[in-house]
Amino acid sequence: MKRSRPVLLVVPSLREAWEDAIAPWFERVLPGAWKRALPSLVVVPTRGQANDLKARLIAKGSSHLGLQFVTPSSLRALLARDDATPAAEPEHLRLLLAIAASEMEDRPNESEALAAKAVARAPALLLRALDRLETAGWKFQELGLSSFAPVVHRFNELLKKCGFVLPGEADRRRLQQAACGTREFSHVLITGFDGAHWAEWFLLRTAVELAENATIVLEEPRENFSDIDLCWIGSWEEVCGEAQRAPRATTALGDSLFSEMEMRGGAETANRFDFLIGTNFSEHR
């Protein structure tokens, strides 16, 4: 089936995300999900958000048969099944970085030796920074951190010898392959992600490229929005076109607990309220 243009929806709040975007998507996709040859995916940042969506479906009496709920880690594992070489596990990368650092601990330059000892004790911090730089398209040399340069250079050599790449580079390569590959998913819904999830940018883009139909739901930045959130939405608009904004709720909120009809006695309220008034504090007790 030919791939359709991804749909980008921006909603004012999480409540409207469900009512105006997510629930209608489920109503459209669920009836035939189990019949389709290709699976349908729902991609969310955390397992808790996936469980919340499942609970909402169960509350409505709907089954999610034929849908797969995935987080970035499980989506990455799902896409890695077709890789020619197995992906490097995080513990393998930490071990290689620790080995590279231990080899540099005896360097005559004191700052380089101290940096190597620090990385050998806690390689995860530098590894995370290197992966973020890779995802952003930066090179470590551009930072000007000469004390860590020998460790990073040796680490890159070990990566090449083992045939490993950082997760950011692996995601970038998958996106390039997906752009000219065959479709692997029928429908994909991506929701819950914002400017704090730039590390998953290429991964989410790959899921969109591999889908026959993709929908991305983003929450509109609030009053204290940042340039990162605006850039996040703008980057998706470059991929999907101009965002469609879901209509805001039209029900105006008044300053009364009761409607006009209820106050006139024309409608019975769902709950009855009893008000007790005491003349002093002892009676309140």
Protein backbone atom coordinates (compact mmCIF):
# COMPACT_ATOMS: atom_id res chain seq x y z
CA MET A 1 0.00 0.00 0.00
CA LYS A 2 1.22 3.51 -0.82
CA ARG A 3 2.35 5.57 2.13
CA SER A 4 0.09 8.49 2.98
CA ARG A 5 1.31 11.82 4.29
CA PRO A 6 1.74 11.80 8.11
CA VAL A 7 -0.83 13.75 10.10
CA LEU A 8 0.41 16.16 12.78
CA LEU A 9 -2.06 17.25 15.47
CA VAL A 10 -1.34 19.86 18.15
CA VAL A 11 -3.73 19.88 21.10
CA PRO A 12 -4.05 22.46 23.90
CA SER A 13 -4.09 19.91 26.75
CA LEU A 14 -3.71 16.24 27.57
CA ARG A 15 -7.46 15.93 28.13
CA GLU A 16 -8.20 17.23 24.66
CA ALA A 17 -5.47 14.98 23.27
CA TRP A 18 -7.57 11.99 24.29
CA GLU A 19 -10.98 13.39 23.39
CA ASP A 20 -10.12 15.07 20.09
CA ALA A 21 -7.22 13.04 18.71
CA ILE A 22 -6.33 9.76 20.43
CA ALA A 23 -9.80 8.31 21.02
CA PRO A 24 -10.91 9.01 17.41
CA TRP A 25 -7.72 7.35 16.17
CA PHE A 26 -8.52 4.20 18.15
CA GLU A 27 -12.11 4.22 16.87
CA ARG A 28 -10.84 4.39 13.30
CA VAL A 29 -7.98 1.87 13.55
CA LEU A 30 -9.13 -0.74 16.07
CA PRO A 31 -12.03 -2.39 14.18
CA GLY A 32 -9.78 -3.81 11.48
CA ALA A 33 -6.42 -3.91 13.27
CA TRP A 34 -6.43 -7.67 13.82
CA LYS A 35 -7.28 -8.34 10.15
CA ARG A 36 -4.45 -6.35 8.61
CA ALA A 37 -1.27 -8.04 7.42
CA LEU A 38 0.91 -5.32 8.93
CA PRO A 39 0.83 -4.50 12.65
CA SER A 40 -0.30 -1.17 14.12
CA LEU A 41 1.79 0.63 16.73
CA VAL A 42 1.14 3.08 19.53
CA VAL A 43 4.41 4.76 20.57
CA VAL A 44 4.56 6.53 23.96
CA PRO A 45 7.51 7.65 26.14
CA THR A 46 6.88 5.37 29.14
CA ARG A 47 5.22 2.09 30.01
CA GLY A 48 2.94 3.92 32.43
CA GLN A 49 1.47 6.00 29.60
CA ALA A 50 0.87 2.84 27.59
CA ASN A 51 -0.96 1.28 30.54
CA ASP A 52 -3.07 4.43 30.91
CA LEU A 53 -4.20 4.24 27.28
CA LYS A 54 -5.02 0.56 27.68
CA ALA A 55 -7.05 1.32 30.80
CA ARG A 56 -9.01 4.00 28.92
CA LEU A 57 -9.80 1.51 26.16
CA ILE A 58 -10.94 -1.11 28.66
CA ALA A 59 -13.13 1.49 30.40
CA LYS A 60 -14.83 2.16 27.07
CA GLY A 61 -15.32 -1.56 26.49
CA SER A 62 -12.85 -1.66 23.58
CA SER A 63 -10.26 -4.33 22.90
CA HIS A 64 -6.75 -3.47 21.74
CA LEU A 65 -6.35 -6.73 19.83
CA GLY A 66 -4.01 -6.15 16.92
CA LEU A 67 -2.27 -3.13 18.46
CA GLN A 68 1.25 -3.05 19.85
CA PHE A 69 2.05 -0.50 22.56
CA VAL A 70 5.78 0.31 22.57
CA THR A 71 8.19 2.66 24.31
CA PRO A 72 11.38 3.95 22.63
CA SER A 73 13.45 1.07 24.00
CA SER A 74 11.03 -1.61 22.82
CA LEU A 75 10.57 0.14 19.46
CA ARG A 76 14.34 0.21 19.01
CA ALA A 77 14.50 -3.51 19.78
CA LEU A 78 11.66 -4.16 17.32
CA LEU A 79 13.45 -2.32 14.51
CA ALA A 80 16.80 -3.92 15.35
CA ARG A 81 15.52 -7.37 14.40
CA ASP A 82 16.22 -6.60 10.73
CA ASP A 83 19.74 -5.25 11.28
CA ALA A 84 22.53 -7.12 9.55
CA THR A 85 24.66 -7.00 12.69
CA PRO A 86 23.37 -7.14 16.28
CA ALA A 87 23.08 -3.82 18.08
CA ALA A 88 25.60 -3.00 20.77
CA GLU A 89 24.21 -3.36 24.26
CA PRO A 90 24.71 -0.40 26.65
CA GLU A 91 26.84 -2.50 28.97
CA HIS A 92 29.15 -3.41 26.08
CA LEU A 93 29.61 0.26 25.20
CA ARG A 94 30.33 1.17 28.82
CA LEU A 95 32.89 -1.62 29.01
CA LEU A 96 34.68 -0.45 25.86
CA LEU A 97 34.78 3.14 27.12
CA ALA A 98 36.12 1.99 30.50
CA ILE A 99 38.83 -0.03 28.73
CA ALA A 100 39.77 2.94 26.57
CA ALA A 101 39.99 5.15 29.66
CA SER A 102 42.08 2.65 31.63
CA GLU A 103 44.62 2.55 28.79
CA MET A 104 45.04 6.33 29.07
CA GLU A 105 45.48 6.59 32.85
CA ASP A 106 49.31 6.67 32.67
CA ARG A 107 49.64 9.44 30.12
CA PRO A 108 52.29 12.05 31.00
CA ASN A 109 49.80 14.90 30.62
CA GLU A 110 48.26 15.28 34.07
CA SER A 111 44.89 16.63 32.90
CA GLU A 112 44.53 13.79 30.39
CA ALA A 113 45.43 11.21 33.03
CA LEU A 114 42.93 12.63 35.54
CA ALA A 115 40.21 12.72 32.89
CA ALA A 116 40.93 9.09 31.98
CA LYS A 117 40.70 7.99 35.63
CA ALA A 118 37.39 9.79 36.04
CA VAL A 119 35.93 8.12 32.94
CA ALA A 120 37.23 4.69 34.00
CA ARG A 121 35.35 4.99 37.31
CA ALA A 122 32.08 6.24 35.74
CA PRO A 123 31.98 5.73 31.94
CA ALA A 124 28.18 6.13 31.66
CA LEU A 125 28.27 9.94 31.91
CA LEU A 126 30.69 10.45 29.03
CA LEU A 127 28.98 7.74 27.00
CA ARG A 128 25.64 9.52 27.35
CA ALA A 129 27.22 12.79 26.26
CA LEU A 130 28.85 11.17 23.22
CA ASP A 131 25.55 9.61 22.17
CA ARG A 132 23.72 12.94 22.49
CA LEU A 133 26.39 14.65 20.41
CA GLU A 134 26.04 11.92 17.78
CA THR A 135 22.27 12.37 17.68
CA ALA A 136 22.67 16.14 17.32
CA GLY A 137 25.18 15.69 14.48
CA TRP A 138 28.08 17.23 16.39
CA LYS A 139 31.64 15.98 16.63
CA PHE A 140 33.38 15.71 19.98
CA GLN A 141 36.35 17.70 18.65
CA GLU A 142 34.10 20.75 18.26
CA LEU A 143 33.70 20.99 22.06
CA GLY A 144 37.37 21.70 22.64
CA LEU A 145 37.71 19.30 25.61
CA SER A 146 41.29 18.32 24.93
CA SER A 147 41.69 16.43 28.23
CA PHE A 148 39.16 13.81 27.13
CA ALA A 149 40.28 13.65 23.50
CA PRO A 150 42.67 10.65 23.89
CA VAL A 151 40.00 8.58 25.64
CA VAL A 152 37.38 9.38 23.00
CA HIS A 153 39.81 8.68 20.15
CA ARG A 154 40.73 5.28 21.61
CA PHE A 155 37.06 4.53 22.26
CA ASN A 156 36.20 5.20 18.60
CA GLU A 157 38.98 2.84 17.55
CA LEU A 158 37.58 0.07 19.75
CA LEU A 159 34.09 0.68 18.36
CA LYS A 160 35.32 0.18 14.80
CA LYS A 161 37.21 -2.99 15.71
CA CYS A 162 34.08 -4.47 17.31
CA GLY A 163 31.73 -3.27 14.58
CA PHE A 164 29.67 -1.25 17.07
CA VAL A 165 28.05 2.16 16.69
CA LEU A 166 26.41 4.43 19.23
CA PRO A 167 22.59 4.26 19.48
CA GLY A 168 22.24 7.70 17.92
CA GLU A 169 24.21 6.64 14.85
CA ALA A 170 22.25 3.38 14.62
CA ASP A 171 18.95 5.32 14.66
CA ARG A 172 20.23 7.65 11.96
CA ARG A 173 21.20 4.73 9.71
CA ARG A 174 17.82 3.04 10.19
CA LEU A 175 16.08 6.24 9.13
CA GLN A 176 18.15 6.39 5.93
CA GLN A 177 17.27 2.77 5.17
CA ALA A 178 13.58 3.28 5.98
CA ALA A 179 13.29 6.19 3.54
CA CYS A 180 13.78 3.81 0.62
CA GLY A 181 12.51 0.59 2.23
CA THR A 182 9.16 -1.17 2.35
CA ARG A 183 6.38 -0.40 4.80
CA GLU A 184 6.40 -2.48 7.99
CA PHE A 185 3.47 -0.98 9.91
CA SER A 186 -0.12 -0.30 8.93
CA HIS A 187 -0.91 2.54 11.35
CA VAL A 188 1.36 4.32 13.82
CA LEU A 189 0.28 6.71 16.57
CA ILE A 190 2.99 8.74 18.33
CA THR A 191 1.90 10.72 21.38
CA GLY A 192 3.29 12.07 24.65
CA PHE A 193 6.66 13.24 23.29
CA ASP A 194 7.98 16.79 23.59
CA GLY A 195 11.21 18.78 23.46
CA ALA A 196 12.72 16.63 26.22
CA HIS A 197 12.83 13.65 23.85
CA TRP A 198 15.26 14.84 21.19
CA ALA A 199 17.33 11.70 21.77
CA GLU A 200 14.47 9.71 20.18
CA TRP A 201 14.08 11.99 17.13
CA PHE A 202 15.55 9.66 14.50
CA LEU A 203 13.87 6.63 16.08
CA LEU A 204 10.42 8.25 15.89
CA ARG A 205 11.11 9.46 12.37
CA THR A 206 11.94 5.89 11.37
CA ALA A 207 8.61 4.63 12.73
CA VAL A 208 6.82 7.29 10.67
CA GLU A 209 8.75 6.37 7.52
CA LEU A 210 7.91 2.68 7.93
CA ALA A 211 4.17 3.30 8.40
CA GLU A 212 1.49 3.37 5.74
CA ASN A 213 -0.44 5.81 7.92
CA ALA A 214 1.14 7.83 10.74
CA THR A 215 -0.38 10.27 13.24
CA ILE A 216 1.68 12.39 15.63
CA VAL A 217 -0.07 14.12 18.53
CA LEU A 218 1.82 16.90 20.31
CA GLU A 219 0.75 19.10 23.19
CA GLU A 220 0.78 22.81 22.54
CA PRO A 221 3.41 24.65 24.62
CA ARG A 222 1.98 26.49 27.61
CA GLU A 223 2.76 30.00 28.81
CA ASN A 224 6.22 29.00 30.07
CA PHE A 225 7.16 27.32 26.80
CA SER A 226 10.79 27.12 25.72
CA ASP A 227 12.53 27.43 22.37
CA ILE A 228 13.22 23.69 22.54
CA ASP A 229 9.50 22.88 22.53
CA LEU A 230 8.86 25.26 19.64
CA CYS A 231 11.75 23.72 17.73
CA TRP A 232 10.33 20.25 18.43
CA ILE A 233 6.96 21.14 16.91
CA GLY A 234 8.58 23.03 14.05
CA SER A 235 10.78 20.06 13.17
CA TRP A 236 7.73 17.80 12.98
CA GLU A 237 6.01 20.35 10.76
CA GLU A 238 8.94 20.14 8.36
CA VAL A 239 8.30 16.39 8.10
CA CYS A 240 4.48 16.31 8.17
CA GLY A 241 3.45 19.74 6.96
CA GLU A 242 1.58 22.36 8.94
CA ALA A 243 0.08 21.08 12.18
CA GLN A 244 -3.67 20.72 12.53
CA ARG A 245 -4.87 22.15 15.82
CA ALA A 246 -7.68 20.31 17.53
CA PRO A 247 -10.62 22.57 18.47
CA ARG A 248 -10.74 23.72 22.06
CA ALA A 249 -13.60 22.73 24.31
CA THR A 250 -16.57 25.00 23.64
CA THR A 251 -18.25 24.56 27.02
CA ALA A 252 -17.70 27.71 29.03
CA LEU A 253 -16.94 27.32 32.70
CA GLY A 254 -19.13 29.42 34.99
CA ASP A 255 -18.65 30.49 38.58
CA SER A 256 -21.51 28.31 39.91
CA LEU A 257 -21.64 24.66 40.90
CA PHE A 258 -25.16 24.40 39.43
CA SER A 259 -26.70 25.15 36.06
CA GLU A 260 -29.49 27.70 35.66
CA MET A 261 -32.03 24.91 35.19
CA GLU A 262 -30.93 23.21 38.41
CA MET A 263 -31.16 26.45 40.38
CA ARG A 264 -34.73 26.96 39.10
CA GLY A 265 -35.63 23.46 40.30
CA GLY A 266 -36.22 22.12 36.81
CA ALA A 267 -33.54 19.44 36.98
CA GLU A 268 -32.45 17.14 39.75
CA THR A 269 -28.77 17.21 40.57
CA ALA A 270 -26.76 14.02 40.45
CA ASN A 271 -25.47 14.57 43.99
CA ARG A 272 -27.23 16.11 46.99
CA PHE A 273 -25.31 18.43 49.28
CA ASP A 274 -25.96 19.05 52.98
CA PHE A 275 -24.57 22.24 54.53
CA LEU A 276 -24.06 22.34 58.31
CA ILE A 277 -23.27 25.69 59.95
CA GLY A 278 -22.01 26.04 63.50
CA THR A 279 -22.00 29.21 65.58
CA ASN A 280 -18.51 28.62 66.94
CA PHE A 281 -15.48 26.36 66.67
CA SER A 282 -16.69 23.89 69.31
CA GLU A 283 -19.84 23.19 67.30
CA HIS A 284 -17.75 22.61 64.16
CA ARG A 285 -16.09 19.73 65.96
